[in-house]
Amino acid sequence: MTAQLIDADMKEMTMELPGLSFSRTGGVETERFVIENRYADALFQTVRTPFYSVIDARMRSRECLKVYSQTEANDYIWFCAALQGRMTSACGSHGEETWQSGQSNLMTYTDVEGYSYFGREKPFRMLEIMLSTGYLEQIAAACPGLFDEILAQHARRQFVRATAEHIRFCPRIGKALQELLNYESAGNAASMYLDAKIREILSLFLYHTARPCDCCTPRDSDLLHHAKAIIERDYLNPPSLHRLALMVGTNECKLKHGFKSLFGTTVFGHLFDYRMEMACRHLLDSDKTIQEIAALTGYEHHSHFTVAFRRKFCVSPQAYRFEWKKAV
């Protein structure tokens, strides 16, 4: 598979990427590809095995750049994690999606044409794990129910996302992604090490993915999604449970039980998680102080914010920011 990036205005090919494939020798193969032209600087480092490949892609455009991509059809399933920056992309007729640092998803593509938009002088880094269908089927056979739906949709050549929106990955996944790139330290066991890390990443991703249920009517589901939207909109000054129930047209008991069943967490648990997600964005994408971030996420005292952040991620906000900066 080859990929060409074409400037949207000039209709000029800006770069052609090497083919993405799996190892043909049965071992671990590596490749490094550098692009330096008047449009952008880019670095692509690929590690290939017979069943999966890991692509570490880094891009810094010299100006606001929108490029079209054209690739050959593929039959892969991707785990993607944005490690730095922000990028907007589109694939075929499926509309635009935005990637921000700290987000991840498990997905497949059915279309082979699309575009990506990069901001001027704003570096973007994505780590992609390209999985063969056979490899994921092997994992699915040992873990019934986990990948059945995504594999079934993929077999029907449907556009697949494990989660409708990209979700922020936890520090444990971030740590595993960093360790994945240090596979060479495993020596002759590199292939086994890579396999173990990929399975760890997939299991952690599924563990942290909220799963919807079938126990509520479409109307109930709409009400609960409305409640979730209100919590996220008013996270600095959230309504009480009683007030929230009135706002969406249900009662407090139904709100509490339905929310937990549909989203896998309580109303205030989701509020806490959303505040922590906002905190992560500020920590990774700004130079704001811990005191400023505490205030921006609804905490009057930064010490209370630090305690809450540590309870969620098992590290302090300062350590989280430091480890991330070191990784990228």
Protein backbone atom coordinates (compact mmCIF):
# COMPACT_ATOMS: atom_id res chain seq x y z
CA MET A 1 0.00 0.00 0.00
CA THR A 2 1.33 3.43 -0.95
CA ALA A 3 -0.01 6.84 0.02
CA GLN A 4 0.26 10.16 -1.80
CA LEU A 5 -0.38 13.54 -0.17
CA ILE A 6 -1.64 16.18 -2.59
CA ASP A 7 -1.88 19.92 -1.89
CA ALA A 8 -5.53 20.96 -2.05
CA ASP A 9 -4.94 24.25 -3.88
CA MET A 10 -1.99 23.51 -6.11
CA LYS A 11 -3.11 19.94 -6.94
CA GLU A 12 0.54 19.13 -6.53
CA MET A 13 1.86 16.01 -4.86
CA THR A 14 3.71 17.11 -1.73
CA MET A 15 4.96 13.72 -0.64
CA GLU A 16 4.62 10.02 -1.31
CA LEU A 17 4.79 7.72 1.68
CA PRO A 18 6.29 4.24 1.58
CA GLY A 19 3.96 1.25 1.52
CA LEU A 20 2.42 0.16 4.81
CA SER A 21 2.59 -3.59 5.14
CA PHE A 22 3.62 -6.42 7.43
CA SER A 23 6.95 -8.21 7.68
CA ARG A 24 7.62 -10.72 4.91
CA THR A 25 10.66 -12.28 6.57
CA GLY A 26 8.84 -13.58 9.65
CA GLY A 27 10.88 -11.35 11.96
CA VAL A 28 10.85 -7.72 13.09
CA GLU A 29 11.67 -5.18 10.36
CA THR A 30 12.18 -1.44 10.73
CA GLU A 31 12.02 1.48 8.32
CA ARG A 32 12.61 5.21 8.70
CA PHE A 33 11.30 7.73 6.19
CA VAL A 34 12.03 11.48 6.32
CA ILE A 35 10.34 14.27 4.36
CA GLU A 36 11.77 17.78 4.15
CA ASN A 37 10.27 20.13 1.58
CA ARG A 38 8.79 23.61 1.33
CA TYR A 39 5.49 22.37 2.75
CA ALA A 40 6.46 20.40 5.82
CA ASP A 41 8.96 18.35 7.78
CA ALA A 42 7.83 14.82 8.59
CA LEU A 43 9.27 11.66 10.08
CA PHE A 44 7.72 8.19 9.78
CA GLN A 45 9.24 5.29 11.69
CA THR A 46 7.72 1.87 11.12
CA VAL A 47 8.19 -1.43 12.95
CA ARG A 48 6.77 -4.42 11.07
CA THR A 49 6.01 -8.00 12.13
CA PRO A 50 4.04 -10.64 10.19
CA PHE A 51 0.79 -9.76 12.03
CA TYR A 52 0.95 -6.08 12.98
CA SER A 53 2.94 -2.92 12.33
CA VAL A 54 3.60 0.14 14.50
CA ILE A 55 3.87 3.53 12.79
CA ASP A 56 5.21 6.55 14.67
CA ALA A 57 4.27 9.54 12.47
CA ARG A 58 5.46 13.10 13.21
CA MET A 59 4.49 16.14 11.16
CA ARG A 60 5.23 19.87 11.33
CA SER A 61 3.81 21.97 8.49
CA ARG A 62 5.46 25.24 7.51
CA GLU A 63 2.07 26.87 6.92
CA CYS A 64 -1.60 26.05 7.44
CA LEU A 65 -1.78 23.03 5.21
CA LYS A 66 -4.66 20.95 3.90
CA VAL A 67 -3.57 17.91 1.95
CA TYR A 68 -5.53 15.21 0.21
CA SER A 69 -4.48 11.60 0.54
CA GLN A 70 -4.95 8.72 -1.86
CA THR A 71 -4.12 5.17 -0.88
CA GLU A 72 -4.71 1.69 -2.14
CA ALA A 73 -7.52 -0.26 -0.51
CA ASN A 74 -6.57 -2.05 2.70
CA ASP A 75 -7.93 -4.68 5.03
CA TYR A 76 -6.44 -3.52 8.32
CA ILE A 77 -7.79 -2.53 11.71
CA TRP A 78 -6.09 0.41 13.41
CA PHE A 79 -5.52 1.50 16.97
CA CYS A 80 -4.61 5.18 16.79
CA ALA A 81 -3.36 7.44 19.58
CA ALA A 82 -2.57 11.14 19.16
CA LEU A 83 0.57 11.92 21.17
CA GLN A 84 0.99 15.61 20.35
CA GLY A 85 -0.87 18.51 18.79
CA ARG A 86 -4.11 18.67 16.86
CA MET A 87 -5.21 17.58 13.40
CA THR A 88 -8.50 17.53 11.50
CA SER A 89 -9.08 14.82 8.92
CA ALA A 90 -11.78 13.29 6.77
CA CYS A 91 -12.08 9.94 5.03
CA GLY A 92 -14.41 9.47 2.10
CA SER A 93 -17.99 10.56 2.78
CA HIS A 94 -17.84 10.13 6.57
CA GLY A 95 -17.27 13.76 7.50
CA GLU A 96 -14.53 15.47 9.46
CA GLU A 97 -13.05 14.30 12.75
CA THR A 98 -10.59 16.08 14.99
CA TRP A 99 -7.69 14.45 16.77
CA GLN A 100 -6.19 16.08 19.87
CA SER A 101 -3.23 14.97 21.94
CA GLY A 102 -4.23 12.26 24.40
CA GLN A 103 -7.07 10.81 22.31
CA SER A 104 -7.36 7.28 20.94
CA ASN A 105 -9.72 4.96 19.08
CA LEU A 106 -9.92 1.53 17.44
CA MET A 107 -11.13 1.84 13.86
CA THR A 108 -11.21 0.72 10.26
CA TYR A 109 -11.46 2.69 7.02
CA THR A 110 -13.46 1.60 3.99
CA ASP A 111 -12.60 4.57 1.78
CA VAL A 112 -9.19 5.27 0.36
CA GLU A 113 -9.45 9.01 -0.32
CA GLY A 114 -9.49 11.77 2.25
CA TYR A 115 -7.71 14.86 3.53
CA SER A 116 -5.93 16.16 6.62
CA TYR A 117 -5.56 19.68 7.91
CA PHE A 118 -2.50 20.80 9.91
CA GLY A 119 -1.99 24.16 11.62
CA ARG A 120 1.04 26.30 10.79
CA GLU A 121 4.16 25.41 12.78
CA LYS A 122 2.14 23.21 15.15
CA PRO A 123 3.71 19.77 15.45
CA PHE A 124 1.45 16.73 15.34
CA ARG A 125 2.38 13.19 16.33
CA MET A 126 0.29 10.04 15.94
CA LEU A 127 1.14 6.49 16.96
CA GLU A 128 -0.74 3.95 14.87
CA ILE A 129 -0.88 0.20 15.43
CA MET A 130 -1.93 -1.52 12.21
CA LEU A 131 -3.46 -4.91 13.00
CA SER A 132 -4.13 -7.66 10.49
CA THR A 133 -7.66 -9.03 10.59
CA GLY A 134 -6.28 -12.49 11.33
CA TYR A 135 -4.34 -11.20 14.33
CA LEU A 136 -7.39 -9.51 15.86
CA GLU A 137 -9.50 -12.60 15.11
CA GLN A 138 -6.95 -14.66 17.04
CA ILE A 139 -7.29 -12.37 20.07
CA ALA A 140 -11.09 -12.36 19.70
CA ALA A 141 -11.21 -16.17 19.73
CA ALA A 142 -9.50 -16.17 23.14
CA CYS A 143 -11.70 -13.33 24.46
CA PRO A 144 -15.27 -13.97 23.24
CA GLY A 145 -17.47 -10.93 22.90
CA LEU A 146 -14.79 -8.24 23.01
CA PHE A 147 -14.20 -7.69 19.30
CA ASP A 148 -17.16 -9.51 17.73
CA GLU A 149 -19.04 -6.36 16.68
CA ILE A 150 -16.08 -4.49 15.21
CA LEU A 151 -14.95 -7.59 13.29
CA ALA A 152 -18.48 -8.20 11.98
CA GLN A 153 -18.78 -4.60 10.78
CA HIS A 154 -15.32 -4.78 9.27
CA ALA A 155 -16.24 -7.96 7.39
CA ARG A 156 -19.21 -6.08 5.90
CA ARG A 157 -16.79 -3.34 4.78
CA GLN A 158 -18.49 -0.81 7.03
CA PHE A 159 -16.98 2.35 8.48
CA VAL A 160 -16.07 1.31 12.04
CA ARG A 161 -15.26 3.22 15.22
CA ALA A 162 -15.09 1.43 18.57
CA THR A 163 -16.34 4.68 20.12
CA ALA A 164 -18.31 7.34 18.23
CA GLU A 165 -15.92 10.02 19.52
CA HIS A 166 -12.21 9.58 20.13
CA ILE A 167 -11.64 9.07 23.86
CA ARG A 168 -8.83 10.30 26.07
CA PHE A 169 -6.55 7.42 26.97
CA CYS A 170 -5.45 6.86 30.55
CA PRO A 171 -1.83 7.27 31.77
CA ARG A 172 -1.42 3.47 31.83
CA ILE A 173 -2.05 3.36 28.08
CA GLY A 174 0.31 6.33 27.64
CA LYS A 175 3.00 4.43 29.54
CA ALA A 176 2.41 1.28 27.47
CA LEU A 177 2.69 3.30 24.25
CA GLN A 178 6.04 4.70 25.38
CA GLU A 179 7.24 1.21 26.32
CA LEU A 180 6.07 -0.11 22.95
CA LEU A 181 8.54 2.20 21.23
CA ASN A 182 11.35 0.83 23.40
CA TYR A 183 10.93 -2.69 22.00
CA GLU A 184 14.60 -2.94 20.98
CA SER A 185 15.58 -3.31 24.64
CA ALA A 186 13.91 -6.75 24.54
CA GLY A 187 16.58 -8.06 22.14
CA ASN A 188 15.65 -11.42 20.63
CA ALA A 189 12.32 -11.28 22.45
CA ALA A 190 11.30 -8.06 20.63
CA SER A 191 8.43 -9.70 18.74
CA MET A 192 7.02 -11.24 21.91
CA TYR A 193 7.46 -7.93 23.74
CA LEU A 194 5.60 -6.00 21.02
CA ASP A 195 2.79 -8.56 21.06
CA ALA A 196 2.42 -8.28 24.84
CA LYS A 197 2.36 -4.47 24.75
CA ILE A 198 -0.23 -4.35 21.95
CA ARG A 199 -2.50 -6.73 23.85
CA GLU A 200 -2.03 -4.63 26.99
CA ILE A 201 -2.98 -1.46 25.11
CA LEU A 202 -6.07 -3.04 23.56
CA SER A 203 -7.24 -4.48 26.90
CA LEU A 204 -6.79 -1.14 28.69
CA PHE A 205 -8.63 0.67 25.89
CA LEU A 206 -11.59 -1.69 26.13
CA TYR A 207 -11.56 -1.48 29.94
CA HIS A 208 -11.88 2.30 29.81
CA THR A 209 -14.50 2.35 27.06
CA ALA A 210 -18.02 3.00 28.31
CA ARG A 211 -20.44 0.43 26.96
CA PRO A 212 -24.05 1.35 26.20
CA CYS A 213 -26.84 -0.98 27.29
CA ASP A 214 -30.15 -2.12 25.81
CA CYS A 215 -32.16 -1.55 29.02
CA CYS A 216 -33.70 1.82 28.17
CA THR A 217 -36.06 3.05 25.47
CA PRO A 218 -34.91 5.43 22.72
CA ARG A 219 -36.70 8.24 24.56
CA ASP A 220 -34.92 7.39 27.82
CA SER A 221 -31.62 7.26 25.97
CA ASP A 222 -32.23 10.73 24.51
CA LEU A 223 -33.03 12.12 27.98
CA LEU A 224 -29.89 10.60 29.46
CA HIS A 225 -27.70 11.93 26.65
CA HIS A 226 -29.27 15.33 27.25
CA ALA A 227 -28.36 15.06 30.94
CA LYS A 228 -24.80 14.14 29.99
CA ALA A 229 -24.58 17.18 27.69
CA ILE A 230 -25.81 19.48 30.48
CA ILE A 231 -23.19 18.11 32.88
CA GLU A 232 -20.43 18.76 30.34
CA ARG A 233 -21.74 22.22 29.52
CA ASP A 234 -22.15 23.28 33.15
CA TYR A 235 -19.25 21.35 34.66
CA LEU A 236 -18.04 24.44 36.55
CA ASN A 237 -21.42 24.91 38.23
CA PRO A 238 -23.36 21.65 37.82
CA PRO A 239 -27.03 21.30 38.83
CA SER A 240 -28.10 19.01 41.65
CA LEU A 241 -29.46 15.55 40.76
CA HIS A 242 -32.99 16.73 41.46
CA ARG A 243 -32.56 19.84 39.32
CA LEU A 244 -30.91 17.85 36.50
CA ALA A 245 -33.77 15.35 36.47
CA LEU A 246 -36.30 18.18 36.15
CA MET A 247 -34.27 19.79 33.37
CA VAL A 248 -34.40 16.67 31.19
CA GLY A 249 -37.94 15.59 32.09
CA THR A 250 -37.46 12.53 34.28
CA ASN A 251 -37.22 11.69 37.97
CA GLU A 252 -34.13 11.45 40.13
CA CYS A 253 -34.29 7.68 40.61
CA LYS A 254 -34.62 6.97 36.89
CA LEU A 255 -31.85 9.44 36.14
CA LYS A 256 -29.41 7.78 38.55
CA HIS A 257 -30.09 4.19 37.50
CA GLY A 258 -30.42 4.91 33.78
CA PHE A 259 -27.25 7.01 33.65
CA LYS A 260 -25.21 4.28 35.35
CA SER A 261 -26.59 1.59 33.02
CA LEU A 262 -26.08 3.60 29.83
CA PHE A 263 -22.71 5.22 30.52
CA GLY A 264 -21.18 2.83 33.03
CA THR A 265 -20.69 5.51 35.68
CA THR A 266 -22.74 7.73 37.99
CA VAL A 267 -23.79 11.28 37.15
CA PHE A 268 -21.18 12.73 39.49
CA GLY A 269 -18.67 10.11 38.40
CA HIS A 270 -19.02 11.41 34.85
CA LEU A 271 -18.72 14.99 36.09
CA PHE A 272 -15.48 14.05 37.83
CA ASP A 273 -14.14 12.25 34.74
CA TYR A 274 -15.05 15.19 32.49
CA ARG A 275 -13.27 17.66 34.77
CA MET A 276 -10.21 15.42 34.73
CA GLU A 277 -10.37 15.25 30.93
CA MET A 278 -10.44 19.04 30.77
CA ALA A 279 -7.51 19.13 33.19
CA CYS A 280 -5.51 16.80 30.93
CA ARG A 281 -6.15 19.03 27.93
CA HIS A 282 -4.89 22.09 29.80
CA LEU A 283 -1.85 20.21 31.12
CA LEU A 284 -0.84 18.91 27.68
CA ASP A 285 -1.86 21.77 25.40
CA SER A 286 -1.11 24.87 27.47
CA ASP A 287 1.44 26.37 29.82
CA LYS A 288 -1.14 27.27 32.45
CA THR A 289 -0.13 26.81 36.07
CA ILE A 290 -1.63 24.11 38.27
CA GLN A 291 -3.53 26.82 40.17
CA GLU A 292 -5.02 28.14 36.93
CA ILE A 293 -6.00 24.66 35.75
CA ALA A 294 -7.61 23.90 39.10
CA ALA A 295 -9.83 26.98 38.75
CA LEU A 296 -10.66 26.13 35.12
CA THR A 297 -11.86 22.66 36.15
CA GLY A 298 -14.03 23.73 39.06
CA TYR A 299 -11.69 23.45 42.04
CA GLU A 300 -11.39 26.42 44.38
CA HIS A 301 -8.16 25.13 45.96
CA HIS A 302 -5.39 23.66 43.81
CA SER A 303 -4.51 21.21 46.59
CA HIS A 304 -7.98 19.66 46.27
CA PHE A 305 -7.48 19.47 42.52
CA THR A 306 -4.12 17.72 42.95
CA VAL A 307 -5.65 15.14 45.30
CA ALA A 308 -8.51 14.49 42.86
CA PHE A 309 -6.14 14.19 39.88
CA ARG A 310 -3.91 11.76 41.76
CA ARG A 311 -6.95 9.67 42.72
CA LYS A 312 -7.91 9.42 39.04
CA PHE A 313 -4.51 8.88 37.42
CA CYS A 314 -2.25 7.76 40.30
CA VAL A 315 0.18 10.60 39.51
CA SER A 316 0.23 14.31 40.34
CA PRO A 317 -0.68 16.88 37.64
CA GLN A 318 2.94 18.05 37.60
CA ALA A 319 4.26 14.52 37.05
CA TYR A 320 1.63 13.83 34.35
CA ARG A 321 2.71 16.93 32.40
CA PHE A 322 6.43 16.17 32.88
CA GLU A 323 6.14 12.55 31.72
CA TRP A 324 4.13 13.56 28.67
CA LYS A 325 6.55 16.30 27.64
CA LYS A 326 9.41 13.86 28.04
CA ALA A 327 7.66 11.30 25.84
CA VAL A 328 7.10 13.70 22.96
